[in-house]
Amino acid sequence: TDGGLARLDPLRLRAEPLPRAQGG
């Protein structure tokens, strides 16, 4: 996204942004 990377959970329909420490 224009605000960073995220992993999507298709079961809960949630996004988990990638933190700065993990390359975000």
PDB file of all heavy atoms in Angstrom:
ATOM      1  N   THR A   1       0.842  -1.190   0.000  1.00  0.00           N
ATOM      2  CA  THR A   1       0.000   0.000   0.000  1.00  0.00           C
ATOM      3  C   THR A   1       0.879   1.243   0.000  1.00  0.00           C
ATOM      4  O   THR A   1       2.097   1.151   0.170  1.00  0.00           O
ATOM      5  CB  THR A   1      -0.911   0.051   1.250  1.00  0.00           C
ATOM      6  OG1 THR A   1      -0.135   0.444   2.383  1.00  0.00           O
ATOM      7  CG2 THR A   1      -1.587  -1.276   1.517  1.00  0.00           C
ATOM      8  N   ASP A   2       0.250   2.394  -0.115  1.00  0.00           N
ATOM      9  CA  ASP A   2       0.987   3.653  -0.021  1.00  0.00           C
ATOM     10  C   ASP A   2       1.362   3.972   1.425  1.00  0.00           C
ATOM     11  O   ASP A   2       1.972   4.998   1.685  1.00  0.00           O
ATOM     12  CB  ASP A   2       0.162   4.794  -0.621  1.00  0.00           C
ATOM     13  CG  ASP A   2       0.233   4.814  -2.135  1.00  0.00           C
ATOM     14  OD1 ASP A   2       0.744   3.847  -2.738  1.00  0.00           O
ATOM     15  OD2 ASP A   2      -0.229   5.810  -2.723  1.00  0.00           O
ATOM     16  N   GLY A   3       0.999   3.091   2.361  1.00  0.00           N
ATOM     17  CA  GLY A   3       1.353   3.271   3.769  1.00  0.00           C
ATOM     18  C   GLY A   3       2.169   2.129   4.330  1.00  0.00           C
ATOM     19  O   GLY A   3       2.363   2.038   5.535  1.00  0.00           O
ATOM     20  N   GLY A   4       2.652   1.225   3.477  1.00  0.00           N
ATOM     21  CA  GLY A   4       3.469   0.109   3.936  1.00  0.00           C
ATOM     22  C   GLY A   4       2.914  -1.232   3.502  1.00  0.00           C
ATOM     23  O   GLY A   4       1.904  -1.326   2.810  1.00  0.00           O
ATOM     24  N   LEU A   5       3.593  -2.297   3.952  1.00  0.00           N
ATOM     25  CA  LEU A   5       3.206  -3.670   3.638  1.00  0.00           C
ATOM     26  C   LEU A   5       2.369  -4.264   4.757  1.00  0.00           C
ATOM     27  O   LEU A   5       2.508  -3.887   5.922  1.00  0.00           O
ATOM     28  CB  LEU A   5       4.452  -4.540   3.459  1.00  0.00           C
ATOM     29  CG  LEU A   5       5.383  -4.202   2.307  1.00  0.00           C
ATOM     30  CD1 LEU A   5       6.634  -5.075   2.373  1.00  0.00           C
ATOM     31  CD2 LEU A   5       4.673  -4.406   0.986  1.00  0.00           C
ATOM     32  N   ALA A   6       1.530  -5.244   4.394  1.00  0.00           N
ATOM     33  CA  ALA A   6       0.736  -5.948   5.398  1.00  0.00           C
ATOM     34  C   ALA A   6       0.484  -7.372   4.922  1.00  0.00           C
ATOM     35  O   ALA A   6       0.490  -7.662   3.726  1.00  0.00           O
ATOM     36  CB  ALA A   6      -0.588  -5.231   5.638  1.00  0.00           C
ATOM     37  N   ARG A   7       0.248  -8.242   5.896  1.00  0.00           N
ATOM     38  CA  ARG A   7      -0.166  -9.617   5.620  1.00  0.00           C
ATOM     39  C   ARG A   7      -1.664  -9.688   5.874  1.00  0.00           C
ATOM     40  O   ARG A   7      -2.168  -9.139   6.853  1.00  0.00           O
ATOM     41  CB  ARG A   7       0.580 -10.587   6.521  1.00  0.00           C
ATOM     42  CG  ARG A   7       0.213 -12.030   6.256  1.00  0.00           C
ATOM     43  CD  ARG A   7       1.001 -12.997   7.078  1.00  0.00           C
ATOM     44  NE  ARG A   7       0.963 -12.609   8.483  1.00  0.00           N
ATOM     45  CZ  ARG A   7       1.968 -12.767   9.325  1.00  0.00           C
ATOM     46  NH1 ARG A   7       3.097 -13.268   8.912  1.00  0.00           N
ATOM     47  NH2 ARG A   7       1.855 -12.423  10.578  1.00  0.00           N
ATOM     48  N   LEU A   8      -2.394 -10.371   4.979  1.00  0.00           N
ATOM     49  CA  LEU A   8      -3.845 -10.462   5.108  1.00  0.00           C
ATOM     50  C   LEU A   8      -4.243 -11.815   5.675  1.00  0.00           C
ATOM     51  O   LEU A   8      -3.703 -12.841   5.294  1.00  0.00           O
ATOM     52  CB  LEU A   8      -4.505 -10.266   3.749  1.00  0.00           C
ATOM     53  CG  LEU A   8      -4.219  -8.937   3.058  1.00  0.00           C
ATOM     54  CD1 LEU A   8      -4.890  -8.902   1.689  1.00  0.00           C
ATOM     55  CD2 LEU A   8      -4.683  -7.773   3.899  1.00  0.00           C
ATOM     56  N   ASP A   9      -5.202 -11.797   6.579  1.00  0.00           N
ATOM     57  CA  ASP A   9      -5.767 -13.014   7.150  1.00  0.00           C
ATOM     58  C   ASP A   9      -7.119 -13.242   6.476  1.00  0.00           C
ATOM     59  O   ASP A   9      -8.085 -12.530   6.761  1.00  0.00           O
ATOM     60  CB  ASP A   9      -5.947 -12.855   8.653  1.00  0.00           C
ATOM     61  CG  ASP A   9      -6.500 -14.096   9.318  1.00  0.00           C
ATOM     62  OD1 ASP A   9      -7.112 -14.946   8.623  1.00  0.00           O
ATOM     63  OD2 ASP A   9      -6.347 -14.227  10.544  1.00  0.00           O
ATOM     64  N   PRO A  10      -7.222 -14.243   5.571  1.00  0.00           N
ATOM     65  CA  PRO A  10      -8.464 -14.436   4.831  1.00  0.00           C
ATOM     66  C   PRO A  10      -9.618 -14.972   5.680  1.00  0.00           C
ATOM     67  O   PRO A  10     -10.771 -14.816   5.309  1.00  0.00           O
ATOM     68  CB  PRO A  10      -8.086 -15.437   3.742  1.00  0.00           C
ATOM     69  CG  PRO A  10      -6.889 -16.136   4.261  1.00  0.00           C
ATOM     70  CD  PRO A  10      -6.178 -15.170   5.159  1.00  0.00           C
ATOM     71  N   LEU A  11      -9.323 -15.572   6.806  1.00  0.00           N
ATOM     72  CA  LEU A  11     -10.388 -16.093   7.664  1.00  0.00           C
ATOM     73  C   LEU A  11     -11.015 -15.004   8.525  1.00  0.00           C
ATOM     74  O   LEU A  11     -12.237 -14.926   8.656  1.00  0.00           O
ATOM     75  CB  LEU A  11      -9.852 -17.226   8.544  1.00  0.00           C
ATOM     76  CG  LEU A  11      -9.292 -18.429   7.785  1.00  0.00           C
ATOM     77  CD1 LEU A  11      -8.708 -19.447   8.749  1.00  0.00           C
ATOM     78  CD2 LEU A  11     -10.365 -19.050   6.909  1.00  0.00           C
ATOM     79  N   ARG A  12     -10.179 -14.160   9.103  1.00  0.00           N
ATOM     80  CA  ARG A  12     -10.680 -13.082   9.965  1.00  0.00           C
ATOM     81  C   ARG A  12     -10.915 -11.784   9.207  1.00  0.00           C
ATOM     82  O   ARG A  12     -11.458 -10.836   9.754  1.00  0.00           O
ATOM     83  CB  ARG A  12      -9.696 -12.821  11.106  1.00  0.00           C
ATOM     84  CG  ARG A  12      -9.517 -13.986  12.045  1.00  0.00           C
ATOM     85  CD  ARG A  12      -8.535 -13.682  13.135  1.00  0.00           C
ATOM     86  NE  ARG A  12      -7.527 -12.726  12.674  1.00  0.00           N
ATOM     87  CZ  ARG A  12      -6.874 -11.883  13.449  1.00  0.00           C
ATOM     88  NH1 ARG A  12      -7.089 -11.866  14.719  1.00  0.00           N
ATOM     89  NH2 ARG A  12      -5.974 -11.055  12.959  1.00  0.00           N
ATOM     90  N   LEU A  13     -10.472 -11.731   7.935  1.00  0.00           N
ATOM     91  CA  LEU A  13     -10.557 -10.522   7.112  1.00  0.00           C
ATOM     92  C   LEU A  13      -9.911  -9.345   7.823  1.00  0.00           C
ATOM     93  O   LEU A  13     -10.493  -8.275   7.982  1.00  0.00           O
ATOM     94  CB  LEU A  13     -12.010 -10.210   6.729  1.00  0.00           C
ATOM     95  CG  LEU A  13     -12.679 -11.246   5.850  1.00  0.00           C
ATOM     96  CD1 LEU A  13     -14.113 -10.860   5.576  1.00  0.00           C
ATOM     97  CD2 LEU A  13     -11.912 -11.453   4.556  1.00  0.00           C
ATOM     98  N   ARG A  14      -8.670  -9.570   8.242  1.00  0.00           N
ATOM     99  CA  ARG A  14      -7.880  -8.557   8.938  1.00  0.00           C
ATOM    100  C   ARG A  14      -6.542  -8.396   8.218  1.00  0.00           C
ATOM    101  O   ARG A  14      -6.052  -9.316   7.578  1.00  0.00           O
ATOM    102  CB  ARG A  14      -7.599  -8.979  10.390  1.00  0.00           C
ATOM    103  CG  ARG A  14      -8.790  -9.265  11.247  1.00  0.00           C
ATOM    104  CD  ARG A  14      -9.442  -8.087  11.876  1.00  0.00           C
ATOM    105  NE  ARG A  14      -8.508  -7.200  12.552  1.00  0.00           N
ATOM    106  CZ  ARG A  14      -8.754  -5.916  12.765  1.00  0.00           C
ATOM    107  NH1 ARG A  14      -9.866  -5.382  12.377  1.00  0.00           N
ATOM    108  NH2 ARG A  14      -7.886  -5.156  13.387  1.00  0.00           N
ATOM    109  N   ALA A  15      -5.966  -7.215   8.371  1.00  0.00           N
ATOM    110  CA  ALA A  15      -4.629  -6.934   7.849  1.00  0.00           C
ATOM    111  C   ALA A  15      -3.688  -6.739   9.018  1.00  0.00           C
ATOM    112  O   ALA A  15      -4.053  -6.139  10.029  1.00  0.00           O
ATOM    113  CB  ALA A  15      -4.649  -5.678   6.986  1.00  0.00           C
ATOM    114  N   GLU A  16      -2.500  -7.283   8.890  1.00  0.00           N
ATOM    115  CA  GLU A  16      -1.473  -7.150   9.917  1.00  0.00           C
ATOM    116  C   GLU A  16      -0.288  -6.408   9.305  1.00  0.00           C
ATOM    117  O   GLU A  16       0.491  -6.985   8.541  1.00  0.00           O
ATOM    118  CB  GLU A  16      -1.045  -8.545  10.374  1.00  0.00           C
ATOM    119  CG  GLU A  16      -0.163  -8.587  11.559  1.00  0.00           C
ATOM    120  CD  GLU A  16       0.137 -10.044  11.925  1.00  0.00           C
ATOM    121  OE1 GLU A  16      -0.781 -10.875  11.910  1.00  0.00           O
ATOM    122  OE2 GLU A  16       1.320 -10.313  12.203  1.00  0.00           O
ATOM    123  N   PRO A  17      -0.150  -5.098   9.594  1.00  0.00           N
ATOM    124  CA  PRO A  17       0.943  -4.323   8.992  1.00  0.00           C
ATOM    125  C   PRO A  17       2.312  -4.867   9.386  1.00  0.00           C
ATOM    126  O   PRO A  17       2.510  -5.350  10.504  1.00  0.00           O
ATOM    127  CB  PRO A  17       0.745  -2.920   9.551  1.00  0.00           C
ATOM    128  CG  PRO A  17      -0.682  -2.872   9.963  1.00  0.00           C
ATOM    129  CD  PRO A  17      -1.022  -4.274  10.405  1.00  0.00           C
ATOM    130  N   LEU A  18       3.231  -4.804   8.464  1.00  0.00           N
ATOM    131  CA  LEU A  18       4.597  -5.239   8.714  1.00  0.00           C
ATOM    132  C   LEU A  18       5.313  -4.147   9.502  1.00  0.00           C
ATOM    133  O   LEU A  18       5.423  -3.019   9.035  1.00  0.00           O
ATOM    134  CB  LEU A  18       5.313  -5.481   7.379  1.00  0.00           C
ATOM    135  CG  LEU A  18       6.675  -6.132   7.428  1.00  0.00           C
ATOM    136  CD1 LEU A  18       6.569  -7.553   7.946  1.00  0.00           C
ATOM    137  CD2 LEU A  18       7.278  -6.151   6.031  1.00  0.00           C
ATOM    138  N   PRO A  19       5.787  -4.457  10.706  1.00  0.00           N
ATOM    139  CA  PRO A  19       6.457  -3.429  11.514  1.00  0.00           C
ATOM    140  C   PRO A  19       7.826  -3.051  10.954  1.00  0.00           C
ATOM    141  O   PRO A  19       8.436  -3.788  10.175  1.00  0.00           O
ATOM    142  CB  PRO A  19       6.595  -4.067  12.896  1.00  0.00           C
ATOM    143  CG  PRO A  19       6.246  -5.493  12.757  1.00  0.00           C
ATOM    144  CD  PRO A  19       5.657  -5.723  11.411  1.00  0.00           C
ATOM    145  N   ARG A  20       8.312  -1.926  11.375  1.00  0.00           N
ATOM    146  CA  ARG A  20       9.602  -1.393  10.942  1.00  0.00           C
ATOM    147  C   ARG A  20      10.730  -2.403  11.196  1.00  0.00           C
ATOM    148  O   ARG A  20      11.602  -2.587  10.345  1.00  0.00           O
ATOM    149  CB  ARG A  20       9.884  -0.089  11.687  1.00  0.00           C
ATOM    150  CG  ARG A  20      11.122   0.642  11.179  1.00  0.00           C
ATOM    151  CD  ARG A  20      11.418   1.865  11.996  1.00  0.00           C
ATOM    152  NE  ARG A  20      11.012   3.174  11.623  1.00  0.00           N
ATOM    153  CZ  ARG A  20      10.914   3.740  10.435  1.00  0.00           C
ATOM    154  NH1 ARG A  20      11.124   3.050   9.387  1.00  0.00           N
ATOM    155  NH2 ARG A  20      10.590   4.976  10.249  1.00  0.00           N
ATOM    156  N   ALA A  21      10.714  -3.098  12.304  1.00  0.00           N
ATOM    157  CA  ALA A  21      11.766  -4.054  12.650  1.00  0.00           C
ATOM    158  C   ALA A  21      11.808  -5.247  11.700  1.00  0.00           C
ATOM    159  O   ALA A  21      12.821  -5.922  11.587  1.00  0.00           O
ATOM    160  CB  ALA A  21      11.588  -4.535  14.081  1.00  0.00           C
ATOM    161  N   GLN A  22      10.714  -5.511  11.005  1.00  0.00           N
ATOM    162  CA  GLN A  22      10.664  -6.632  10.070  1.00  0.00           C
ATOM    163  C   GLN A  22      10.755  -6.180   8.616  1.00  0.00           C
ATOM    164  O   GLN A  22      10.375  -6.899   7.714  1.00  0.00           O
ATOM    165  CB  GLN A  22       9.376  -7.429  10.289  1.00  0.00           C
ATOM    166  CG  GLN A  22       9.356  -8.134  11.619  1.00  0.00           C
ATOM    167  CD  GLN A  22       8.073  -8.927  11.796  1.00  0.00           C
ATOM    168  OE1 GLN A  22       7.033  -8.585  11.251  1.00  0.00           O
ATOM    169  NE2 GLN A  22       8.159  -9.991  12.578  1.00  0.00           N
ATOM    170  N   GLY A  23      11.241  -4.983   8.386  1.00  0.00           N
ATOM    171  CA  GLY A  23      11.455  -4.516   7.036  1.00  0.00           C
ATOM    172  C   GLY A  23      10.438  -3.512   6.555  1.00  0.00           C
ATOM    173  O   GLY A  23      10.439  -3.139   5.390  1.00  0.00           O
ATOM    174  N   GLY A  24       9.539  -3.087   7.417  1.00  0.00           N
ATOM    175  CA  GLY A  24       8.515  -2.135   7.020  1.00  0.00           C
ATOM    176  C   GLY A  24       8.980  -0.699   7.136  1.00  0.00           C
ATOM    177  O   GLY A  24       8.200   0.164   7.523  1.00  0.00           O
TER     178      GLY A  24
END
